[in-house]
Amino acid sequence: MPRDKAENSAKNKRKGGMVDWDLIFTITNIFAIAMWLILLFAPRGEPVMTGLFYGGAGLLAASYAVIMIPLMLGLIDSGADGNMDFSSLAGVQQSLSSPSGATIGWIHYLSFDLFVGIWVARNADKYGFVRWVQIPVLLFVFLLGPLGLVLYLMLRFTRHNKVADAVMPE
């Protein structure tokens, strides 16, 4: 084992054990993709949507919390130089440049994007948008988050042109 890896391994063990950030990233990524495939292609009955909401977005959010809280308390090593700092651009860049920061940031994106995707799908169903129209918008939500939401809001405005009602989630 190269010296740097051995030193990092010893440092991680002193700080509360080795965390396999690659494994956490891979598991949450595969899980999120599975949830998105269900959202895109499965029938949208109440059990499916409730399962996606709690078992998908909720579980990703819970995973985020279970990892983020010990990171913030210093119970597990973040792998970043110093503490996580979200008060400046330089601090955010440093925090997200570590394996833990990139992984936790990605889980954050996965959770919120799935939450927004579920809202878009339910709302689009409510306003009568057929699935083949929804799928490209939902893919934008999955891949580009806010851009997909903006696309849906513009699409929804064409069907229901009251501005206040077009932008307020239900």
N, C-alpha and C. Protein backbone atom coordinates (compact mmCIF):
# COMPACT_ATOMS: atom_id res chain seq x y z
N MET A 1 0.86 -1.18 0.00
CA MET A 1 0.00 0.00 0.00
C MET A 1 0.90 1.23 0.00
N PRO A 2 0.65 2.19 -0.90
CA PRO A 2 1.47 3.41 -0.91
C PRO A 2 1.40 4.13 0.44
N ARG A 3 2.45 4.84 0.75
CA ARG A 3 2.56 5.49 2.05
C ARG A 3 1.40 6.44 2.32
N ASP A 4 0.99 7.27 1.32
CA ASP A 4 -0.11 8.22 1.52
C ASP A 4 -1.40 7.50 1.90
N LYS A 5 -1.70 6.40 1.23
CA LYS A 5 -2.92 5.65 1.53
C LYS A 5 -2.84 5.05 2.92
N ALA A 6 -1.68 4.54 3.29
CA ALA A 6 -1.50 3.96 4.63
C ALA A 6 -1.69 5.03 5.69
N GLU A 7 -1.12 6.21 5.47
CA GLU A 7 -1.28 7.31 6.43
C GLU A 7 -2.74 7.73 6.53
N ASN A 8 -3.44 7.85 5.38
CA ASN A 8 -4.86 8.21 5.40
C ASN A 8 -5.68 7.16 6.12
N SER A 9 -5.36 5.88 5.90
CA SER A 9 -6.08 4.80 6.55
C SER A 9 -5.91 4.89 8.06
N ALA A 10 -4.68 5.10 8.51
CA ALA A 10 -4.43 5.22 9.95
C ALA A 10 -5.15 6.44 10.52
N LYS A 11 -5.13 7.56 9.80
CA LYS A 11 -5.81 8.77 10.25
C LYS A 11 -7.31 8.53 10.38
N ASN A 12 -7.89 7.86 9.37
CA ASN A 12 -9.33 7.58 9.40
C ASN A 12 -9.69 6.67 10.57
N LYS A 13 -8.86 5.68 10.86
CA LYS A 13 -9.15 4.78 11.97
C LYS A 13 -9.11 5.53 13.30
N ARG A 14 -8.20 6.47 13.44
CA ARG A 14 -8.14 7.27 14.67
C ARG A 14 -9.38 8.15 14.82
N LYS A 15 -9.95 8.60 13.73
CA LYS A 15 -11.07 9.54 13.76
C LYS A 15 -12.43 8.84 13.77
N GLY A 16 -12.49 7.54 13.97
CA GLY A 16 -13.79 6.90 14.05
C GLY A 16 -14.02 5.84 13.00
N GLY A 17 -12.97 5.38 12.36
CA GLY A 17 -13.13 4.28 11.42
C GLY A 17 -13.11 4.71 9.98
N MET A 18 -12.87 3.73 9.16
CA MET A 18 -12.79 3.96 7.72
C MET A 18 -14.20 4.01 7.14
N VAL A 19 -14.47 5.00 6.36
CA VAL A 19 -15.75 5.12 5.67
C VAL A 19 -15.49 4.90 4.19
N ASP A 20 -16.23 3.99 3.60
CA ASP A 20 -16.05 3.70 2.18
C ASP A 20 -16.99 4.63 1.39
N TRP A 21 -16.50 5.80 1.06
CA TRP A 21 -17.32 6.82 0.38
C TRP A 21 -17.71 6.35 -1.01
N ASP A 22 -16.85 5.61 -1.69
CA ASP A 22 -17.19 5.07 -3.01
C ASP A 22 -18.39 4.14 -2.92
N LEU A 23 -18.41 3.29 -1.91
CA LEU A 23 -19.52 2.36 -1.74
C LEU A 23 -20.82 3.11 -1.44
N ILE A 24 -20.75 4.07 -0.54
CA ILE A 24 -21.94 4.87 -0.21
C ILE A 24 -22.45 5.60 -1.45
N PHE A 25 -21.54 6.20 -2.21
CA PHE A 25 -21.91 6.89 -3.44
C PHE A 25 -22.59 5.94 -4.41
N THR A 26 -21.99 4.77 -4.63
CA THR A 26 -22.52 3.80 -5.58
C THR A 26 -23.90 3.30 -5.16
N ILE A 27 -24.06 2.94 -3.90
CA ILE A 27 -25.35 2.43 -3.43
C ILE A 27 -26.44 3.48 -3.56
N THR A 28 -26.17 4.70 -3.12
CA THR A 28 -27.20 5.74 -3.20
C THR A 28 -27.51 6.11 -4.65
N ASN A 29 -26.50 6.08 -5.50
CA ASN A 29 -26.70 6.40 -6.91
C ASN A 29 -27.59 5.35 -7.59
N ILE A 30 -27.27 4.08 -7.38
CA ILE A 30 -28.07 3.00 -7.96
C ILE A 30 -29.49 3.04 -7.42
N PHE A 31 -29.63 3.28 -6.13
CA PHE A 31 -30.95 3.38 -5.51
C PHE A 31 -31.76 4.51 -6.14
N ALA A 32 -31.15 5.68 -6.29
CA ALA A 32 -31.85 6.82 -6.87
C ALA A 32 -32.26 6.54 -8.32
N ILE A 33 -31.39 5.92 -9.08
CA ILE A 33 -31.72 5.59 -10.48
C ILE A 33 -32.91 4.64 -10.51
N ALA A 34 -32.93 3.66 -9.62
CA ALA A 34 -34.07 2.73 -9.56
C ALA A 34 -35.37 3.49 -9.23
N MET A 35 -35.30 4.42 -8.30
CA MET A 35 -36.50 5.21 -7.94
C MET A 35 -36.97 6.04 -9.13
N TRP A 36 -36.01 6.62 -9.87
CA TRP A 36 -36.38 7.41 -11.04
C TRP A 36 -37.00 6.56 -12.14
N LEU A 37 -36.50 5.35 -12.33
CA LEU A 37 -37.09 4.46 -13.33
C LEU A 37 -38.52 4.11 -12.95
N ILE A 38 -38.76 3.89 -11.67
CA ILE A 38 -40.13 3.63 -11.20
C ILE A 38 -40.99 4.86 -11.47
N LEU A 39 -40.49 6.04 -11.13
CA LEU A 39 -41.26 7.27 -11.34
C LEU A 39 -41.57 7.47 -12.82
N LEU A 40 -40.62 7.19 -13.68
CA LEU A 40 -40.82 7.40 -15.11
C LEU A 40 -41.78 6.40 -15.75
N PHE A 41 -41.68 5.13 -15.34
CA PHE A 41 -42.35 4.09 -16.12
C PHE A 41 -43.42 3.27 -15.39
N ALA A 42 -43.44 3.28 -14.08
CA ALA A 42 -44.43 2.47 -13.35
C ALA A 42 -45.78 3.18 -13.32
N PRO A 43 -46.85 2.40 -13.16
CA PRO A 43 -48.16 3.05 -12.98
C PRO A 43 -48.11 3.94 -11.73
N ARG A 44 -48.81 5.05 -11.79
CA ARG A 44 -48.71 6.03 -10.71
C ARG A 44 -49.85 5.92 -9.71
N GLY A 45 -50.10 4.75 -9.24
CA GLY A 45 -51.10 4.58 -8.19
C GLY A 45 -50.59 5.15 -6.88
N GLU A 46 -51.48 5.32 -5.94
CA GLU A 46 -51.11 5.90 -4.65
C GLU A 46 -50.05 5.08 -3.92
N PRO A 47 -50.12 3.74 -3.93
CA PRO A 47 -49.05 2.99 -3.24
C PRO A 47 -47.67 3.23 -3.86
N VAL A 48 -47.61 3.32 -5.18
CA VAL A 48 -46.32 3.55 -5.84
C VAL A 48 -45.79 4.95 -5.49
N MET A 49 -46.65 5.94 -5.58
CA MET A 49 -46.20 7.32 -5.32
C MET A 49 -45.84 7.51 -3.84
N THR A 50 -46.60 6.90 -2.95
CA THR A 50 -46.27 6.98 -1.52
C THR A 50 -44.95 6.27 -1.25
N GLY A 51 -44.74 5.12 -1.89
CA GLY A 51 -43.48 4.41 -1.75
C GLY A 51 -42.30 5.21 -2.26
N LEU A 52 -42.48 5.88 -3.39
CA LEU A 52 -41.41 6.74 -3.92
C LEU A 52 -41.13 7.91 -2.99
N PHE A 53 -42.19 8.47 -2.44
CA PHE A 53 -42.03 9.64 -1.57
C PHE A 53 -41.27 9.28 -0.29
N TYR A 54 -41.78 8.27 0.43
CA TYR A 54 -41.15 7.91 1.71
C TYR A 54 -39.96 6.98 1.53
N GLY A 55 -40.13 5.97 0.69
CA GLY A 55 -39.07 4.98 0.50
C GLY A 55 -37.97 5.44 -0.44
N GLY A 56 -38.25 6.45 -1.25
CA GLY A 56 -37.27 6.98 -2.19
C GLY A 56 -36.65 8.26 -1.67
N ALA A 57 -37.37 9.36 -1.84
CA ALA A 57 -36.84 10.67 -1.42
C ALA A 57 -36.61 10.71 0.09
N GLY A 58 -37.53 10.12 0.85
CA GLY A 58 -37.39 10.12 2.31
C GLY A 58 -36.18 9.33 2.77
N LEU A 59 -35.96 8.18 2.17
CA LEU A 59 -34.81 7.36 2.56
C LEU A 59 -33.50 8.02 2.15
N LEU A 60 -33.47 8.65 0.99
CA LEU A 60 -32.26 9.39 0.60
C LEU A 60 -32.00 10.55 1.56
N ALA A 61 -33.05 11.26 1.95
CA ALA A 61 -32.89 12.37 2.90
C ALA A 61 -32.42 11.85 4.25
N ALA A 62 -32.97 10.71 4.69
CA ALA A 62 -32.54 10.12 5.95
C ALA A 62 -31.07 9.68 5.87
N SER A 63 -30.67 9.13 4.74
CA SER A 63 -29.27 8.74 4.53
C SER A 63 -28.36 9.95 4.64
N TYR A 64 -28.80 11.03 4.04
CA TYR A 64 -28.04 12.29 4.13
C TYR A 64 -27.87 12.70 5.59
N ALA A 65 -28.97 12.68 6.34
CA ALA A 65 -28.92 13.10 7.75
C ALA A 65 -28.02 12.18 8.57
N VAL A 66 -28.14 10.87 8.34
CA VAL A 66 -27.35 9.89 9.10
C VAL A 66 -25.85 10.08 8.85
N ILE A 67 -25.49 10.56 7.68
CA ILE A 67 -24.08 10.79 7.36
C ILE A 67 -23.66 12.21 7.76
N MET A 68 -24.50 13.19 7.49
CA MET A 68 -24.12 14.59 7.69
C MET A 68 -23.96 14.94 9.16
N ILE A 69 -24.84 14.45 10.00
CA ILE A 69 -24.77 14.81 11.43
C ILE A 69 -23.45 14.36 12.04
N PRO A 70 -23.05 13.08 11.88
CA PRO A 70 -21.74 12.70 12.43
C PRO A 70 -20.57 13.44 11.79
N LEU A 71 -20.69 13.77 10.49
CA LEU A 71 -19.64 14.56 9.85
C LEU A 71 -19.51 15.92 10.51
N MET A 72 -20.64 16.58 10.73
CA MET A 72 -20.61 17.91 11.32
C MET A 72 -20.12 17.89 12.77
N LEU A 73 -20.39 16.79 13.47
CA LEU A 73 -19.95 16.66 14.86
C LEU A 73 -18.51 16.17 14.98
N GLY A 74 -17.90 15.83 13.84
CA GLY A 74 -16.52 15.35 13.84
C GLY A 74 -16.39 13.91 14.30
N LEU A 75 -17.49 13.15 14.30
CA LEU A 75 -17.45 11.76 14.74
C LEU A 75 -16.87 10.84 13.67
N ILE A 76 -16.98 11.25 12.41
CA ILE A 76 -16.31 10.53 11.33
C ILE A 76 -15.48 11.53 10.55
N ASP A 77 -14.40 11.05 10.00
CA ASP A 77 -13.48 11.92 9.29
C ASP A 77 -14.06 12.32 7.94
N SER A 78 -14.06 13.60 7.68
CA SER A 78 -14.59 14.09 6.41
C SER A 78 -13.58 13.92 5.28
N GLY A 79 -12.33 13.76 5.62
CA GLY A 79 -11.30 13.67 4.59
C GLY A 79 -10.91 15.03 4.03
N ALA A 80 -11.61 16.07 4.47
CA ALA A 80 -11.30 17.43 4.02
C ALA A 80 -10.28 18.04 4.97
N ASP A 81 -9.54 19.00 4.47
CA ASP A 81 -8.61 19.72 5.33
C ASP A 81 -9.41 20.70 6.17
N GLY A 82 -9.51 20.44 7.45
CA GLY A 82 -10.27 21.32 8.32
C GLY A 82 -11.74 20.92 8.38
N ASN A 83 -12.53 21.78 9.00
CA ASN A 83 -13.96 21.54 9.14
C ASN A 83 -14.70 21.90 7.87
N MET A 84 -15.89 21.32 7.71
CA MET A 84 -16.74 21.70 6.59
C MET A 84 -17.21 23.13 6.83
N ASP A 85 -17.10 23.95 5.80
CA ASP A 85 -17.41 25.37 5.91
C ASP A 85 -18.32 25.77 4.75
N PHE A 86 -19.52 26.21 5.08
CA PHE A 86 -20.47 26.61 4.05
C PHE A 86 -20.72 28.12 4.07
N SER A 87 -19.82 28.87 4.70
CA SER A 87 -20.02 30.31 4.84
C SER A 87 -19.36 31.13 3.73
N SER A 88 -18.56 30.48 2.89
CA SER A 88 -17.90 31.20 1.79
C SER A 88 -17.76 30.26 0.60
N LEU A 89 -17.56 30.83 -0.56
CA LEU A 89 -17.36 30.02 -1.76
C LEU A 89 -16.14 29.13 -1.59
N ALA A 90 -15.05 29.67 -1.08
CA ALA A 90 -13.84 28.87 -0.88
C ALA A 90 -14.10 27.72 0.10
N GLY A 91 -14.87 27.97 1.14
CA GLY A 91 -15.20 26.93 2.11
C GLY A 91 -16.05 25.83 1.50
N VAL A 92 -17.02 26.21 0.67
CA VAL A 92 -17.88 25.22 0.01
C VAL A 92 -17.03 24.40 -0.97
N GLN A 93 -16.16 25.07 -1.74
CA GLN A 93 -15.30 24.35 -2.67
C GLN A 93 -14.43 23.33 -1.93
N GLN A 94 -13.86 23.74 -0.82
CA GLN A 94 -13.01 22.84 -0.05
C GLN A 94 -13.84 21.69 0.51
N SER A 95 -15.01 21.98 1.04
CA SER A 95 -15.85 20.93 1.62
C SER A 95 -16.29 19.91 0.59
N LEU A 96 -16.63 20.38 -0.61
CA LEU A 96 -17.11 19.46 -1.64
C LEU A 96 -15.98 18.76 -2.39
N SER A 97 -14.75 19.17 -2.16
CA SER A 97 -13.62 18.57 -2.89
C SER A 97 -13.15 17.26 -2.26
N SER A 98 -13.62 16.93 -1.08
CA SER A 98 -13.23 15.68 -0.45
C SER A 98 -14.21 14.57 -0.84
N PRO A 99 -13.82 13.30 -0.70
CA PRO A 99 -14.76 12.22 -1.00
C PRO A 99 -16.04 12.30 -0.17
N SER A 100 -15.92 12.65 1.10
CA SER A 100 -17.12 12.76 1.93
C SER A 100 -18.00 13.92 1.47
N GLY A 101 -17.39 15.04 1.17
CA GLY A 101 -18.15 16.21 0.73
C GLY A 101 -18.85 15.98 -0.60
N ALA A 102 -18.13 15.36 -1.54
CA ALA A 102 -18.74 15.07 -2.83
C ALA A 102 -19.89 14.07 -2.67
N THR A 103 -19.69 13.05 -1.84
CA THR A 103 -20.73 12.04 -1.64
C THR A 103 -21.95 12.64 -0.96
N ILE A 104 -21.75 13.38 0.10
CA ILE A 104 -22.88 13.95 0.82
C ILE A 104 -23.59 15.00 -0.04
N GLY A 105 -22.82 15.77 -0.81
CA GLY A 105 -23.43 16.73 -1.73
C GLY A 105 -24.26 16.03 -2.79
N TRP A 106 -23.77 14.91 -3.29
CA TRP A 106 -24.50 14.16 -4.31
C TRP A 106 -25.79 13.58 -3.75
N ILE A 107 -25.73 13.04 -2.53
CA ILE A 107 -26.95 12.51 -1.90
C ILE A 107 -27.97 13.63 -1.71
N HIS A 108 -27.49 14.81 -1.36
CA HIS A 108 -28.36 15.99 -1.22
C HIS A 108 -29.08 16.25 -2.54
N TYR A 109 -28.33 16.29 -3.64
CA TYR A 109 -28.93 16.49 -4.97
C TYR A 109 -29.92 15.38 -5.29
N LEU A 110 -29.52 14.13 -5.08
CA LEU A 110 -30.39 13.00 -5.41
C LEU A 110 -31.71 13.08 -4.67
N SER A 111 -31.64 13.40 -3.39
CA SER A 111 -32.85 13.46 -2.57
C SER A 111 -33.78 14.58 -3.02
N PHE A 112 -33.24 15.78 -3.18
CA PHE A 112 -34.08 16.91 -3.57
C PHE A 112 -34.59 16.78 -5.00
N ASP A 113 -33.76 16.30 -5.90
CA ASP A 113 -34.22 16.14 -7.28
C ASP A 113 -35.34 15.11 -7.37
N LEU A 114 -35.24 14.02 -6.61
CA LEU A 114 -36.31 13.02 -6.61
C LEU A 114 -37.58 13.61 -6.00
N PHE A 115 -37.44 14.36 -4.93
CA PHE A 115 -38.59 15.03 -4.32
C PHE A 115 -39.29 15.93 -5.33
N VAL A 116 -38.53 16.74 -6.03
CA VAL A 116 -39.09 17.63 -7.05
C VAL A 116 -39.70 16.82 -8.19
N GLY A 117 -39.04 15.74 -8.59
CA GLY A 117 -39.57 14.89 -9.65
C GLY A 117 -40.91 14.29 -9.27
N ILE A 118 -41.05 13.85 -8.03
CA ILE A 118 -42.32 13.30 -7.56
C ILE A 118 -43.40 14.37 -7.60
N TRP A 119 -43.07 15.57 -7.16
CA TRP A 119 -44.05 16.66 -7.21
C TRP A 119 -44.45 16.97 -8.65
N VAL A 120 -43.47 17.05 -9.54
CA VAL A 120 -43.76 17.33 -10.95
C VAL A 120 -44.67 16.25 -11.52
N ALA A 121 -44.35 14.98 -11.27
CA ALA A 121 -45.14 13.87 -11.82
C ALA A 121 -46.58 13.92 -11.30
N ARG A 122 -46.75 14.12 -10.00
CA ARG A 122 -48.11 14.19 -9.43
C ARG A 122 -48.87 15.38 -10.00
N ASN A 123 -48.19 16.50 -10.09
CA ASN A 123 -48.84 17.71 -10.58
C ASN A 123 -49.18 17.58 -12.06
N ALA A 124 -48.26 17.00 -12.83
CA ALA A 124 -48.50 16.81 -14.26
C ALA A 124 -49.66 15.84 -14.48
N ASP A 125 -49.76 14.81 -13.66
CA ASP A 125 -50.90 13.90 -13.75
C ASP A 125 -52.19 14.66 -13.45
N LYS A 126 -52.16 15.48 -12.43
CA LYS A 126 -53.34 16.25 -12.04
C LYS A 126 -53.83 17.16 -13.17
N TYR A 127 -52.89 17.75 -13.90
CA TYR A 127 -53.25 18.67 -14.97
C TYR A 127 -53.35 17.99 -16.33
N GLY A 128 -53.32 16.67 -16.36
CA GLY A 128 -53.61 15.92 -17.57
C GLY A 128 -52.51 15.83 -18.60
N PHE A 129 -51.27 16.01 -18.20
CA PHE A 129 -50.16 15.84 -19.15
C PHE A 129 -49.87 14.35 -19.30
N VAL A 130 -49.87 13.88 -20.53
CA VAL A 130 -49.62 12.47 -20.79
C VAL A 130 -48.17 12.13 -20.45
N ARG A 131 -47.94 10.86 -20.21
CA ARG A 131 -46.63 10.41 -19.75
C ARG A 131 -45.52 10.73 -20.75
N TRP A 132 -45.77 10.61 -22.05
CA TRP A 132 -44.71 10.87 -23.03
C TRP A 132 -44.28 12.33 -23.03
N VAL A 133 -45.14 13.23 -22.55
CA VAL A 133 -44.75 14.64 -22.39
C VAL A 133 -43.99 14.82 -21.08
N GLN A 134 -44.38 14.08 -20.08
CA GLN A 134 -43.74 14.19 -18.76
C GLN A 134 -42.31 13.65 -18.75
N ILE A 135 -42.07 12.55 -19.46
CA ILE A 135 -40.78 11.87 -19.36
C ILE A 135 -39.59 12.78 -19.69
N PRO A 136 -39.61 13.53 -20.79
CA PRO A 136 -38.44 14.41 -21.04
C PRO A 136 -38.26 15.47 -19.94
N VAL A 137 -39.35 16.01 -19.44
CA VAL A 137 -39.26 17.02 -18.37
C VAL A 137 -38.69 16.37 -17.12
N LEU A 138 -39.17 15.18 -16.77
CA LEU A 138 -38.66 14.49 -15.59
C LEU A 138 -37.18 14.13 -15.74
N LEU A 139 -36.76 13.80 -16.94
CA LEU A 139 -35.34 13.53 -17.16
C LEU A 139 -34.51 14.80 -16.93
N PHE A 140 -35.04 15.94 -17.34
CA PHE A 140 -34.34 17.20 -17.07
C PHE A 140 -34.29 17.46 -15.56
N VAL A 141 -35.37 17.15 -14.84
CA VAL A 141 -35.35 17.32 -13.38
C VAL A 141 -34.28 16.41 -12.79
N PHE A 142 -34.22 15.16 -13.25
CA PHE A 142 -33.25 14.21 -12.73
C PHE A 142 -31.81 14.66 -13.02
N LEU A 143 -31.56 15.09 -14.23
CA LEU A 143 -30.19 15.40 -14.64
C LEU A 143 -29.76 16.83 -14.36
N LEU A 144 -30.71 17.77 -14.42
CA LEU A 144 -30.34 19.19 -14.29
C LEU A 144 -31.20 19.95 -13.28
N GLY A 145 -31.90 19.22 -12.42
CA GLY A 145 -32.63 19.79 -11.29
C GLY A 145 -33.47 21.01 -11.60
N PRO A 146 -33.00 22.19 -11.21
CA PRO A 146 -33.80 23.40 -11.37
C PRO A 146 -34.22 23.70 -12.81
N LEU A 147 -33.40 23.34 -13.78
CA LEU A 147 -33.78 23.56 -15.18
C LEU A 147 -35.02 22.73 -15.53
N GLY A 148 -35.07 21.50 -15.05
CA GLY A 148 -36.24 20.66 -15.27
C GLY A 148 -37.48 21.23 -14.61
N LEU A 149 -37.32 21.78 -13.42
CA LEU A 149 -38.46 22.40 -12.73
C LEU A 149 -38.96 23.61 -13.51
N VAL A 150 -38.05 24.43 -13.99
CA VAL A 150 -38.45 25.60 -14.78
C VAL A 150 -39.17 25.16 -16.05
N LEU A 151 -38.66 24.12 -16.71
CA LEU A 151 -39.34 23.61 -17.91
C LEU A 151 -40.75 23.14 -17.59
N TYR A 152 -40.91 22.44 -16.47
CA TYR A 152 -42.25 21.99 -16.11
C TYR A 152 -43.16 23.17 -15.80
N LEU A 153 -42.67 24.14 -15.06
CA LEU A 153 -43.51 25.30 -14.73
C LEU A 153 -43.94 26.05 -15.99
N MET A 154 -43.05 26.13 -16.97
CA MET A 154 -43.43 26.77 -18.24
C MET A 154 -44.46 25.91 -18.97
N LEU A 155 -44.27 24.61 -18.98
CA LEU A 155 -45.22 23.70 -19.61
C LEU A 155 -46.58 23.78 -18.91
N ARG A 156 -46.56 23.78 -17.62
CA ARG A 156 -47.81 23.85 -16.85
C ARG A 156 -48.53 25.17 -17.11
N PHE A 157 -47.79 26.23 -17.26
CA PHE A 157 -48.40 27.54 -17.53
C PHE A 157 -49.21 27.50 -18.83
N THR A 158 -48.79 26.68 -19.80
CA THR A 158 -49.54 26.58 -21.06
C THR A 158 -50.90 25.92 -20.85
N ARG A 159 -51.02 25.10 -19.84
CA ARG A 159 -52.26 24.39 -19.56
C ARG A 159 -53.12 25.12 -18.54
N HIS A 160 -52.47 25.80 -17.65
CA HIS A 160 -53.19 26.45 -16.55
C HIS A 160 -52.53 27.81 -16.33
N ASN A 161 -53.04 28.83 -17.00
CA ASN A 161 -52.29 30.07 -17.12
C ASN A 161 -52.49 31.08 -15.99
N LYS A 162 -53.01 30.68 -14.86
CA LYS A 162 -53.01 31.59 -13.71
C LYS A 162 -51.63 31.49 -13.06
N VAL A 163 -50.92 32.61 -13.04
CA VAL A 163 -49.53 32.58 -12.58
C VAL A 163 -49.42 32.04 -11.17
N ALA A 164 -50.21 32.57 -10.24
CA ALA A 164 -50.09 32.12 -8.86
C ALA A 164 -50.36 30.63 -8.74
N ASP A 165 -51.35 30.14 -9.47
CA ASP A 165 -51.69 28.72 -9.40
C ASP A 165 -50.69 27.88 -10.16
N ALA A 166 -50.01 28.46 -11.13
CA ALA A 166 -49.04 27.69 -11.93
C ALA A 166 -47.75 27.45 -11.19
N VAL A 167 -47.45 28.23 -10.18
CA VAL A 167 -46.16 28.06 -9.51
C VAL A 167 -46.28 27.53 -8.08
N MET A 168 -47.47 27.46 -7.54
CA MET A 168 -47.63 27.00 -6.16
C MET A 168 -47.81 25.49 -6.12
N PRO A 169 -46.94 24.77 -5.43
CA PRO A 169 -47.13 23.32 -5.30
C PRO A 169 -48.32 23.01 -4.43
N GLU A 170 -48.89 21.84 -4.66
CA GLU A 170 -50.02 21.39 -3.84
C GLU A 170 -49.65 20.13 -3.14
